[in-house]
Amino acid sequence: MTRTTAAGGSSPGRRALAPRQTVVGALFVDFGNDRGPKEEQRPPRARYECVRCNYRSEVVTGPAAVAAFNATAAAAHRVVCPSLQETHQ
């Protein structure tokens, strides 16, 4: 196993810091509650937010709809995100 030094090189054997990462989108999922009295039950729901362009999706509800949405929301938005279109042209 090899070790890398920090950027300054003044601490031999110290691992370098990982590249800085930034949150650019968030997928919010509420798994719902199907237990208890009927009035306390709620279906699963999800929504997606993009920090780059301030996009916020509609809330999707229901088990099948949430599963499909979770599989495609971020990738589908990346294709049409105006912030990405501006920076990658």
Protein backbone atom coordinates (compact mmCIF):
# COMPACT_ATOMS: atom_id res chain seq x y z
CA MET A 1 0.00 0.00 0.00
CA THR A 2 1.38 3.37 -0.97
CA ARG A 3 0.66 6.68 0.68
CA THR A 4 0.57 10.09 -0.88
CA THR A 5 1.55 13.27 0.85
CA ALA A 6 -0.50 16.39 1.35
CA ALA A 7 -0.22 19.17 -1.20
CA GLY A 8 2.44 21.02 0.81
CA GLY A 9 4.62 17.93 1.12
CA SER A 10 5.60 18.89 4.66
CA SER A 11 4.01 15.83 6.28
CA PRO A 12 5.46 12.59 4.91
CA GLY A 13 3.04 9.71 5.22
CA ARG A 14 -0.02 11.92 5.48
CA ARG A 15 -2.70 11.21 2.91
CA ALA A 16 -3.61 13.89 0.42
CA LEU A 17 -7.06 15.41 0.68
CA ALA A 18 -9.66 14.19 -1.78
CA PRO A 19 -10.70 16.59 -4.52
CA ARG A 20 -13.42 18.97 -3.41
CA GLN A 21 -16.90 17.85 -4.38
CA THR A 22 -19.99 20.01 -4.65
CA VAL A 23 -23.65 19.09 -4.33
CA VAL A 24 -25.44 20.03 -7.56
CA GLY A 25 -28.72 18.16 -7.19
CA ALA A 26 -30.85 16.49 -4.56
CA LEU A 27 -33.33 13.65 -4.77
CA PHE A 28 -35.80 13.71 -1.88
CA VAL A 29 -37.65 10.47 -1.15
CA ASP A 30 -40.29 9.84 1.51
CA PHE A 31 -40.95 6.11 1.66
CA GLY A 32 -44.41 6.69 3.08
CA ASN A 33 -46.21 4.82 5.80
CA ASP A 34 -48.66 2.00 5.16
CA ARG A 35 -49.15 0.98 8.78
CA GLY A 36 -51.56 2.17 11.40
CA PRO A 37 -55.03 3.65 10.98
CA LYS A 38 -56.10 4.61 7.47
CA GLU A 39 -55.99 8.34 8.23
CA GLU A 40 -52.31 8.09 9.29
CA GLN A 41 -51.18 6.24 6.16
CA ARG A 42 -49.43 8.09 3.33
CA PRO A 43 -48.06 6.86 -0.01
CA PRO A 44 -44.38 7.12 -0.97
CA ARG A 45 -43.38 10.36 -2.71
CA ALA A 46 -40.31 11.90 -4.32
CA ARG A 47 -39.04 15.11 -5.93
CA TYR A 48 -35.79 16.34 -7.49
CA GLU A 49 -34.06 19.72 -7.10
CA CYS A 50 -31.17 21.11 -9.13
CA VAL A 51 -28.94 23.56 -7.27
CA ARG A 52 -27.37 24.87 -10.49
CA CYS A 53 -30.55 26.24 -12.10
CA ASN A 54 -32.97 26.19 -9.12
CA TYR A 55 -35.23 23.67 -10.87
CA ARG A 56 -37.70 21.86 -8.63
CA SER A 57 -39.75 18.95 -9.97
CA GLU A 58 -43.35 18.22 -9.16
CA VAL A 59 -43.90 15.74 -6.32
CA VAL A 60 -44.42 12.20 -7.61
CA THR A 61 -46.53 9.85 -5.47
CA GLY A 62 -47.20 6.13 -5.45
CA PRO A 63 -44.81 3.16 -5.27
CA ALA A 64 -44.44 2.50 -9.02
CA ALA A 65 -44.22 6.19 -9.94
CA VAL A 66 -41.59 6.88 -7.27
CA ALA A 67 -39.48 3.90 -8.37
CA ALA A 68 -39.53 5.02 -12.01
CA PHE A 69 -38.86 8.66 -11.07
CA ASN A 70 -35.88 7.74 -8.86
CA ALA A 71 -34.32 5.75 -11.69
CA THR A 72 -34.46 8.61 -14.20
CA ALA A 73 -34.94 12.03 -12.54
CA ALA A 74 -31.33 13.22 -12.27
CA ALA A 75 -30.26 11.94 -15.69
CA ALA A 76 -33.35 13.36 -17.39
CA HIS A 77 -32.78 16.80 -15.86
CA ARG A 78 -29.08 16.80 -16.77
CA VAL A 79 -30.06 16.67 -20.45
CA VAL A 80 -32.18 19.85 -20.24
CA CYS A 81 -30.49 21.81 -17.41
CA PRO A 82 -29.90 25.36 -18.68
CA SER A 83 -26.86 25.79 -16.43
CA LEU A 84 -25.16 22.76 -17.96
CA GLN A 85 -26.05 23.92 -21.47
CA GLU A 86 -24.34 27.27 -20.80
CA THR A 87 -21.14 25.84 -19.33
CA HIS A 88 -20.57 23.00 -21.80
CA GLN A 89 -20.99 24.81 -25.13
